[in-house]
């Protein structure tokens, strides 16, 4: 029975500065990594995306889902911060691959005393990200994927906002055997606003390449590298290596 071992050779290098630029965009849930495989590879996943998490890295990779595939992912960020994701994808003949996911962020509760001295609690922040995606092969070597997203956020049960955005991605199998390229534009949409002040969405451009090295019938290595340009920070380079045994 085959299983995968992900080598922890995941390096994130800032190109122009070691110190990150201050964040100026809103809707931070749109920037949160998901799953375990992509983060273990330094999020160098644009040209690899081949599972339900392609919804969050490169929707064009959904074409690699040839059968039903569902996943549930959850982690405690700290004692009071929780993320959860559930997704489903399926390939349909003549249509392509359809997939959807729900990503939830819960910042826990904050307790306080009112004027009467009673102890009350409020939800600090709760965000929901609904994603629907479709992908299909344009040519044998080229696939295209599109996501539509609804981001909904509520802070201290009083301030609410919601915004629509989209992702567009491509995946290309080059004439060079086992070499693939990927490109995606993420979070294309209108600014987010709780009251009067508006914050831009974290629009991001990602370009990646991946190469498969098969040394024997039992060992398959994937080497990947991504260039990432968020709208609120400097260009990053991500690298990763995966070995399947």
C-alpha atoms as a PDB file:
ATOM      1  CA  UNK A   1       0.000   0.000   0.000  1.00  0.00           C
ATOM      2  CA  UNK A   2       1.450   3.315  -1.034  1.00  0.00           C
ATOM      3  CA  UNK A   3       1.670   6.219   1.319  1.00  0.00           C
ATOM      4  CA  UNK A   4       3.185   9.669   1.130  1.00  0.00           C
ATOM      5  CA  UNK A   5       5.926  11.140   3.211  1.00  0.00           C
ATOM      6  CA  UNK A   6       6.247  14.887   3.053  1.00  0.00           C
ATOM      7  CA  UNK A   7       9.801  15.983   3.698  1.00  0.00           C
ATOM      8  CA  UNK A   8      10.008  19.092   5.763  1.00  0.00           C
ATOM      9  CA  UNK A   9      12.105  20.954   3.253  1.00  0.00           C
ATOM     10  CA  UNK A  10       9.856  23.989   3.129  1.00  0.00           C
ATOM     11  CA  UNK A  11      11.529  27.346   2.884  1.00  0.00           C
ATOM     12  CA  UNK A  12       9.910  30.745   2.528  1.00  0.00           C
ATOM     13  CA  UNK A  13      12.296  33.483   1.416  1.00  0.00           C
ATOM     14  CA  UNK A  14      11.461  37.161   1.125  1.00  0.00           C
ATOM     15  CA  UNK A  15      12.994  38.477  -2.069  1.00  0.00           C
ATOM     16  CA  UNK A  16      13.587  42.126  -1.328  1.00  0.00           C
ATOM     17  CA  UNK A  17      13.520  42.303   2.453  1.00  0.00           C
ATOM     18  CA  UNK A  18      13.850  40.037   5.441  1.00  0.00           C
ATOM     19  CA  UNK A  19      11.316  42.088   7.323  1.00  0.00           C
ATOM     20  CA  UNK A  20       7.743  41.688   6.090  1.00  0.00           C
ATOM     21  CA  UNK A  21       5.746  44.721   5.092  1.00  0.00           C
ATOM     22  CA  UNK A  22       2.822  45.701   7.315  1.00  0.00           C
ATOM     23  CA  UNK A  23      -0.500  44.256   6.249  1.00  0.00           C
ATOM     24  CA  UNK A  24      -2.929  46.720   4.666  1.00  0.00           C
ATOM     25  CA  UNK A  25      -5.646  44.391   3.391  1.00  0.00           C
ATOM     26  CA  UNK A  26      -8.692  42.992   5.137  1.00  0.00           C
ATOM     27  CA  UNK A  27     -10.385  39.575   5.138  1.00  0.00           C
ATOM     28  CA  UNK A  28      -7.394  37.750   6.590  1.00  0.00           C
ATOM     29  CA  UNK A  29      -9.215  34.417   6.284  1.00  0.00           C
ATOM     30  CA  UNK A  30      -8.580  34.663   2.540  1.00  0.00           C
ATOM     31  CA  UNK A  31      -4.848  34.464   3.302  1.00  0.00           C
ATOM     32  CA  UNK A  32      -5.013  31.587   5.774  1.00  0.00           C
ATOM     33  CA  UNK A  33      -3.338  28.356   4.637  1.00  0.00           C
ATOM     34  CA  UNK A  34      -5.398  25.163   4.617  1.00  0.00           C
ATOM     35  CA  UNK A  35      -4.610  21.477   4.823  1.00  0.00           C
ATOM     36  CA  UNK A  36      -1.287  19.989   5.854  1.00  0.00           C
ATOM     37  CA  UNK A  37       0.373  19.020   2.578  1.00  0.00           C
ATOM     38  CA  UNK A  38       0.699  22.478   1.021  1.00  0.00           C
ATOM     39  CA  UNK A  39       2.017  24.194   4.182  1.00  0.00           C
ATOM     40  CA  UNK A  40       4.534  21.360   4.658  1.00  0.00           C
ATOM     41  CA  UNK A  41       5.824  22.182   1.176  1.00  0.00           C
ATOM     42  CA  UNK A  42       6.223  25.856   1.996  1.00  0.00           C
ATOM     43  CA  UNK A  43       2.941  26.559   0.157  1.00  0.00           C
ATOM     44  CA  UNK A  44       4.722  25.943  -3.153  1.00  0.00           C
ATOM     45  CA  UNK A  45       1.559  24.302  -4.449  1.00  0.00           C
ATOM     46  CA  UNK A  46       0.332  26.246  -7.481  1.00  0.00           C
ATOM     47  CA  UNK A  47       1.683  23.765 -10.054  1.00  0.00           C
ATOM     48  CA  UNK A  48       0.941  20.709  -7.893  1.00  0.00           C
ATOM     49  CA  UNK A  49      -2.651  21.318  -6.748  1.00  0.00           C
ATOM     50  CA  UNK A  50      -4.382  17.979  -7.215  1.00  0.00           C
ATOM     51  CA  UNK A  51      -6.850  17.614  -4.334  1.00  0.00           C
ATOM     52  CA  UNK A  52      -9.777  19.464  -2.782  1.00  0.00           C
ATOM     53  CA  UNK A  53      -7.395  22.123  -1.454  1.00  0.00           C
ATOM     54  CA  UNK A  54      -6.871  23.233  -5.049  1.00  0.00           C
ATOM     55  CA  UNK A  55      -9.892  25.430  -4.304  1.00  0.00           C
ATOM     56  CA  UNK A  56      -7.579  27.533  -2.139  1.00  0.00           C
ATOM     57  CA  UNK A  57      -4.312  27.348  -4.122  1.00  0.00           C
ATOM     58  CA  UNK A  58      -5.156  26.890  -7.809  1.00  0.00           C
ATOM     59  CA  UNK A  59      -8.679  25.924  -8.915  1.00  0.00           C
ATOM     60  CA  UNK A  60      -7.335  24.586 -12.225  1.00  0.00           C
ATOM     61  CA  UNK A  61      -5.901  21.661 -10.259  1.00  0.00           C
ATOM     62  CA  UNK A  62      -9.418  20.393  -9.574  1.00  0.00           C
ATOM     63  CA  UNK A  63      -9.296  18.607 -12.943  1.00  0.00           C
ATOM     64  CA  UNK A  64      -7.095  16.001 -11.257  1.00  0.00           C
ATOM     65  CA  UNK A  65     -10.041  14.883  -9.118  1.00  0.00           C
ATOM     66  CA  UNK A  66     -11.467  12.023 -11.148  1.00  0.00           C
ATOM     67  CA  UNK A  67     -13.758  10.672  -8.461  1.00  0.00           C
ATOM     68  CA  UNK A  68     -15.551  11.791  -5.338  1.00  0.00           C
ATOM     69  CA  UNK A  69     -13.255  13.350  -2.801  1.00  0.00           C
ATOM     70  CA  UNK A  70     -14.189  14.951   0.482  1.00  0.00           C
ATOM     71  CA  UNK A  71     -12.150  16.238   3.377  1.00  0.00           C
ATOM     72  CA  UNK A  72     -12.561  17.734   6.811  1.00  0.00           C
ATOM     73  CA  UNK A  73      -9.792  19.819   8.318  1.00  0.00           C
ATOM     74  CA  UNK A  74      -9.603  21.455  11.725  1.00  0.00           C
ATOM     75  CA  UNK A  75      -6.923  22.898  13.963  1.00  0.00           C
ATOM     76  CA  UNK A  76      -6.553  24.937  17.161  1.00  0.00           C
ATOM     77  CA  UNK A  77      -4.433  27.971  16.384  1.00  0.00           C
ATOM     78  CA  UNK A  78      -4.271  28.909  20.053  1.00  0.00           C
ATOM     79  CA  UNK A  79      -6.469  28.079  23.017  1.00  0.00           C
ATOM     80  CA  UNK A  80      -9.214  30.328  21.703  1.00  0.00           C
ATOM     81  CA  UNK A  81      -8.741  30.429  17.920  1.00  0.00           C
ATOM     82  CA  UNK A  82     -10.196  27.719  15.718  1.00  0.00           C
ATOM     83  CA  UNK A  83     -10.306  26.991  12.001  1.00  0.00           C
ATOM     84  CA  UNK A  84     -12.428  24.388  10.296  1.00  0.00           C
ATOM     85  CA  UNK A  85     -12.928  23.377   6.676  1.00  0.00           C
ATOM     86  CA  UNK A  86     -15.144  20.903   4.899  1.00  0.00           C
ATOM     87  CA  UNK A  87     -14.973  20.382   1.146  1.00  0.00           C
ATOM     88  CA  UNK A  88     -16.293  18.155  -1.604  1.00  0.00           C
ATOM     89  CA  UNK A  89     -15.371  17.690  -5.253  1.00  0.00           C
ATOM     90  CA  UNK A  90     -16.431  15.424  -8.091  1.00  0.00           C
ATOM     91  CA  UNK A  91     -15.654  15.056 -11.779  1.00  0.00           C
ATOM     92  CA  UNK A  92     -18.551  15.011 -14.268  1.00  0.00           C
ATOM     93  CA  UNK A  93     -18.173  13.779 -17.826  1.00  0.00           C
ATOM     94  CA  UNK A  94     -18.592  16.565 -20.369  1.00  0.00           C
ATOM     95  CA  UNK A  95     -18.688  19.280 -17.704  1.00  0.00           C
ATOM     96  CA  UNK A  96     -15.471  19.149 -15.736  1.00  0.00           C
ATOM     97  CA  UNK A  97     -14.860  19.025 -12.018  1.00  0.00           C
ATOM     98  CA  UNK A  98     -17.162  20.804  -9.594  1.00  0.00           C
ATOM     99  CA  UNK A  99     -16.144  21.451  -6.004  1.00  0.00           C
ATOM    100  CA  UNK A 100     -17.184  23.443  -2.980  1.00  0.00           C
ATOM    101  CA  UNK A 101     -15.965  24.165   0.516  1.00  0.00           C
ATOM    102  CA  UNK A 102     -16.881  25.979   3.705  1.00  0.00           C
ATOM    103  CA  UNK A 103     -14.044  27.521   5.702  1.00  0.00           C
ATOM    104  CA  UNK A 104     -14.850  28.795   9.201  1.00  0.00           C
ATOM    105  CA  UNK A 105     -12.827  30.967  11.562  1.00  0.00           C
ATOM    106  CA  UNK A 106     -13.874  31.398  15.203  1.00  0.00           C
ATOM    107  CA  UNK A 107     -11.933  33.765  17.477  1.00  0.00           C
ATOM    108  CA  UNK A 108     -13.726  32.585  20.600  1.00  0.00           C
ATOM    109  CA  UNK A 109     -15.561  34.724  23.132  1.00  0.00           C
ATOM    110  CA  UNK A 110     -14.747  37.814  25.134  1.00  0.00           C
ATOM    111  CA  UNK A 111     -16.178  38.259  28.631  1.00  0.00           C
ATOM    112  CA  UNK A 112     -17.090  41.585  30.237  1.00  0.00           C
ATOM    113  CA  UNK A 113     -19.245  43.095  32.963  1.00  0.00           C
ATOM    114  CA  UNK A 114     -22.188  45.308  32.102  1.00  0.00           C
ATOM    115  CA  UNK A 115     -23.339  48.328  34.098  1.00  0.00           C
ATOM    116  CA  UNK A 116     -25.310  46.062  36.441  1.00  0.00           C
ATOM    117  CA  UNK A 117     -22.247  43.994  37.244  1.00  0.00           C
ATOM    118  CA  UNK A 118     -23.472  40.953  35.338  1.00  0.00           C
ATOM    119  CA  UNK A 119     -20.886  38.885  33.500  1.00  0.00           C
ATOM    120  CA  UNK A 120     -21.676  38.673  29.789  1.00  0.00           C
ATOM    121  CA  UNK A 121     -19.889  37.209  26.793  1.00  0.00           C
ATOM    122  CA  UNK A 122     -19.772  38.010  23.095  1.00  0.00           C
ATOM    123  CA  UNK A 123     -18.342  36.237  20.073  1.00  0.00           C
ATOM    124  CA  UNK A 124     -15.117  38.103  19.334  1.00  0.00           C
ATOM    125  CA  UNK A 125     -15.118  37.373  15.609  1.00  0.00           C
ATOM    126  CA  UNK A 126     -16.645  34.741  13.388  1.00  0.00           C
ATOM    127  CA  UNK A 127     -15.904  34.489   9.674  1.00  0.00           C
ATOM    128  CA  UNK A 128     -17.289  32.226   6.967  1.00  0.00           C
ATOM    129  CA  UNK A 129     -15.795  31.648   3.534  1.00  0.00           C
ATOM    130  CA  UNK A 130     -18.005  29.841   1.005  1.00  0.00           C
ATOM    131  CA  UNK A 131     -16.253  28.683  -2.166  1.00  0.00           C
ATOM    132  CA  UNK A 132     -17.634  27.113  -5.338  1.00  0.00           C
ATOM    133  CA  UNK A 133     -15.237  26.125  -8.103  1.00  0.00           C
ATOM    134  CA  UNK A 134     -15.248  24.577 -11.546  1.00  0.00           C
ATOM    135  CA  UNK A 135     -12.330  23.358 -13.637  1.00  0.00           C
ATOM    136  CA  UNK A 136     -11.924  21.611 -16.954  1.00  0.00           C
ATOM    137  CA  UNK A 137      -9.301  20.770 -19.528  1.00  0.00           C
ATOM    138  CA  UNK A 138      -9.123  23.282 -22.370  1.00  0.00           C
ATOM    139  CA  UNK A 139      -6.516  21.171 -24.144  1.00  0.00           C
ATOM    140  CA  UNK A 140      -4.821  17.942 -23.136  1.00  0.00           C
ATOM    141  CA  UNK A 141      -1.985  19.960 -21.639  1.00  0.00           C
ATOM    142  CA  UNK A 142      -3.893  22.994 -20.334  1.00  0.00           C
ATOM    143  CA  UNK A 143      -6.618  23.286 -17.700  1.00  0.00           C
ATOM    144  CA  UNK A 144      -8.552  26.304 -16.459  1.00  0.00           C
ATOM    145  CA  UNK A 145     -10.295  26.766 -13.129  1.00  0.00           C
ATOM    146  CA  UNK A 146     -12.508  29.466 -11.621  1.00  0.00           C
ATOM    147  CA  UNK A 147     -13.701  30.007  -8.063  1.00  0.00           C
ATOM    148  CA  UNK A 148     -16.562  32.165  -6.833  1.00  0.00           C
ATOM    149  CA  UNK A 149     -16.365  33.097  -3.169  1.00  0.00           C
ATOM    150  CA  UNK A 150     -18.556  34.701  -0.537  1.00  0.00           C
ATOM    151  CA  UNK A 151     -16.757  36.038   2.523  1.00  0.00           C
ATOM    152  CA  UNK A 152     -18.895  36.900   5.552  1.00  0.00           C
ATOM    153  CA  UNK A 153     -17.541  38.339   8.804  1.00  0.00           C
ATOM    154  CA  UNK A 154     -19.065  39.480  12.109  1.00  0.00           C
ATOM    155  CA  UNK A 155     -17.141  41.241  14.901  1.00  0.00           C
ATOM    156  CA  UNK A 156     -18.435  41.299  18.509  1.00  0.00           C
ATOM    157  CA  UNK A 157     -21.883  40.341  17.202  1.00  0.00           C
ATOM    158  CA  UNK A 158     -22.479  43.906  15.974  1.00  0.00           C
ATOM    159  CA  UNK A 159     -20.354  44.798  12.978  1.00  0.00           C
ATOM    160  CA  UNK A 160     -21.028  42.694   9.908  1.00  0.00           C
ATOM    161  CA  UNK A 161     -19.767  42.675   6.361  1.00  0.00           C
ATOM    162  CA  UNK A 162     -19.854  40.397   3.351  1.00  0.00           C
ATOM    163  CA  UNK A 163     -18.153  40.541  -0.014  1.00  0.00           C
ATOM    164  CA  UNK A 164     -17.916  38.481  -3.201  1.00  0.00           C
ATOM    165  CA  UNK A 165     -14.637  37.678  -4.901  1.00  0.00           C
ATOM    166  CA  UNK A 166     -13.177  35.211  -7.383  1.00  0.00           C
ATOM    167  CA  UNK A 167     -10.022  33.276  -8.293  1.00  0.00           C
ATOM    168  CA  UNK A 168      -8.828  32.340 -11.786  1.00  0.00           C
ATOM    169  CA  UNK A 169      -6.116  29.745 -12.313  1.00  0.00           C
ATOM    170  CA  UNK A 170      -4.388  27.754 -15.042  1.00  0.00           C
ATOM    171  CA  UNK A 171      -2.304  24.590 -15.020  1.00  0.00           C
ATOM    172  CA  UNK A 172      -0.035  23.671 -17.931  1.00  0.00           C
ATOM    173  CA  UNK A 173       1.807  20.416 -18.646  1.00  0.00           C
ATOM    174  CA  UNK A 174       4.857  21.497 -20.600  1.00  0.00           C
ATOM    175  CA  UNK A 175       6.416  19.524 -23.496  1.00  0.00           C
ATOM    176  CA  UNK A 176       9.205  18.705 -21.046  1.00  0.00           C
ATOM    177  CA  UNK A 177       8.208  15.427 -19.465  1.00  0.00           C
ATOM    178  CA  UNK A 178       7.007  15.725 -15.832  1.00  0.00           C
ATOM    179  CA  UNK A 179       7.355  19.532 -15.759  1.00  0.00           C
ATOM    180  CA  UNK A 180       4.228  21.593 -15.038  1.00  0.00           C
ATOM    181  CA  UNK A 181       3.512  25.304 -14.628  1.00  0.00           C
ATOM    182  CA  UNK A 182       0.718  27.040 -12.761  1.00  0.00           C
ATOM    183  CA  UNK A 183      -0.616  30.576 -12.492  1.00  0.00           C
ATOM    184  CA  UNK A 184      -3.447  31.965 -10.388  1.00  0.00           C
ATOM    185  CA  UNK A 185      -5.001  35.342  -9.582  1.00  0.00           C
ATOM    186  CA  UNK A 186      -6.688  35.234  -6.182  1.00  0.00           C
ATOM    187  CA  UNK A 187      -9.283  37.321  -4.349  1.00  0.00           C
ATOM    188  CA  UNK A 188     -10.407  39.540  -7.199  1.00  0.00           C
ATOM    189  CA  UNK A 189     -13.257  41.601  -5.792  1.00  0.00           C
ATOM    190  CA  UNK A 190     -14.484  44.792  -4.172  1.00  0.00           C
ATOM    191  CA  UNK A 191     -13.066  46.222  -0.914  1.00  0.00           C
ATOM    192  CA  UNK A 192     -14.379  45.009   2.427  1.00  0.00           C
ATOM    193  CA  UNK A 193     -16.148  47.480   4.746  1.00  0.00           C
ATOM    194  CA  UNK A 194     -17.501  47.061   8.291  1.00  0.00           C
ATOM    195  CA  UNK A 195     -18.598  50.685   8.726  1.00  0.00           C
ATOM    196  CA  UNK A 196     -17.156  53.604   6.778  1.00  0.00           C
ATOM    197  CA  UNK A 197     -13.535  52.638   6.282  1.00  0.00           C
ATOM    198  CA  UNK A 198     -12.773  50.281   3.416  1.00  0.00           C
ATOM    199  CA  UNK A 199      -9.948  47.766   3.212  1.00  0.00           C
ATOM    200  CA  UNK A 200      -8.880  46.102  -0.050  1.00  0.00           C
ATOM    201  CA  UNK A 201      -9.094  42.353  -0.356  1.00  0.00           C
ATOM    202  CA  UNK A 202      -5.746  40.505  -0.218  1.00  0.00           C
ATOM    203  CA  UNK A 203      -5.359  40.191  -3.981  1.00  0.00           C
ATOM    204  CA  UNK A 204      -2.534  37.806  -4.773  1.00  0.00           C
ATOM    205  CA  UNK A 205      -0.686  36.633  -7.883  1.00  0.00           C
ATOM    206  CA  UNK A 206       0.975  33.214  -7.774  1.00  0.00           C
ATOM    207  CA  UNK A 207       3.213  31.590 -10.366  1.00  0.00           C
ATOM    208  CA  UNK A 208       4.628  28.138  -9.781  1.00  0.00           C
ATOM    209  CA  UNK A 209       6.487  25.252 -11.334  1.00  0.00           C
ATOM    210  CA  UNK A 210       6.776  21.606 -10.327  1.00  0.00           C
ATOM    211  CA  UNK A 211       8.936  18.746 -11.560  1.00  0.00           C
ATOM    212  CA  UNK A 212       8.480  15.032 -10.864  1.00  0.00           C
ATOM    213  CA  UNK A 213      11.524  12.812 -10.428  1.00  0.00           C
ATOM    214  CA  UNK A 214      10.963   9.059 -10.431  1.00  0.00           C
ATOM    215  CA  UNK A 215      14.066   7.192  -9.301  1.00  0.00           C
ATOM    216  CA  UNK A 216      12.411   3.780  -9.171  1.00  0.00           C
ATOM    217  CA  UNK A 217       8.997   2.156  -9.015  1.00  0.00           C
ATOM    218  CA  UNK A 218       8.879   2.902  -5.302  1.00  0.00           C
ATOM    219  CA  UNK A 219      10.183   6.454  -5.043  1.00  0.00           C
ATOM    220  CA  UNK A 220       8.659   9.578  -6.590  1.00  0.00           C
ATOM    221  CA  UNK A 221       9.979  13.041  -5.767  1.00  0.00           C
ATOM    222  CA  UNK A 222       8.184  16.292  -6.562  1.00  0.00           C
ATOM    223  CA  UNK A 223      10.211  19.508  -6.481  1.00  0.00           C
ATOM    224  CA  UNK A 224       8.231  22.749  -6.591  1.00  0.00           C
ATOM    225  CA  UNK A 225       8.826  26.499  -6.468  1.00  0.00           C
ATOM    226  CA  UNK A 226       6.389  29.418  -6.376  1.00  0.00           C
ATOM    227  CA  UNK A 227       6.610  33.185  -6.787  1.00  0.00           C
ATOM    228  CA  UNK A 228       3.925  34.950  -4.747  1.00  0.00           C
ATOM    229  CA  UNK A 229       3.007  38.655  -4.898  1.00  0.00           C
ATOM    230  CA  UNK A 230       0.355  39.812  -2.409  1.00  0.00           C
ATOM    231  CA  UNK A 231      -0.996  43.344  -2.778  1.00  0.00           C
ATOM    232  CA  UNK A 232       0.060  44.234   0.774  1.00  0.00           C
ATOM    233  CA  UNK A 233       3.587  42.825   1.037  1.00  0.00           C
ATOM    234  CA  UNK A 234       6.736  42.063  -0.907  1.00  0.00           C
ATOM    235  CA  UNK A 235       7.304  39.237  -3.370  1.00  0.00           C
ATOM    236  CA  UNK A 236       7.981  35.861  -1.776  1.00  0.00           C
ATOM    237  CA  UNK A 237       9.617  32.694  -3.063  1.00  0.00           C
ATOM    238  CA  UNK A 238       8.311  29.376  -1.761  1.00  0.00           C
ATOM    239  CA  UNK A 239      10.067  26.026  -2.197  1.00  0.00           C
ATOM    240  CA  UNK A 240       9.079  22.471  -1.356  1.00  0.00           C
ATOM    241  CA  UNK A 241       9.976  18.812  -1.913  1.00  0.00           C
ATOM    242  CA  UNK A 242       7.673  15.820  -1.548  1.00  0.00           C
ATOM    243  CA  UNK A 243       8.514  12.120  -1.668  1.00  0.00           C
ATOM    244  CA  UNK A 244       5.968   9.364  -2.287  1.00  0.00           C
ATOM    245  CA  UNK A 245       7.016   5.879  -1.223  1.00  0.00           C
END
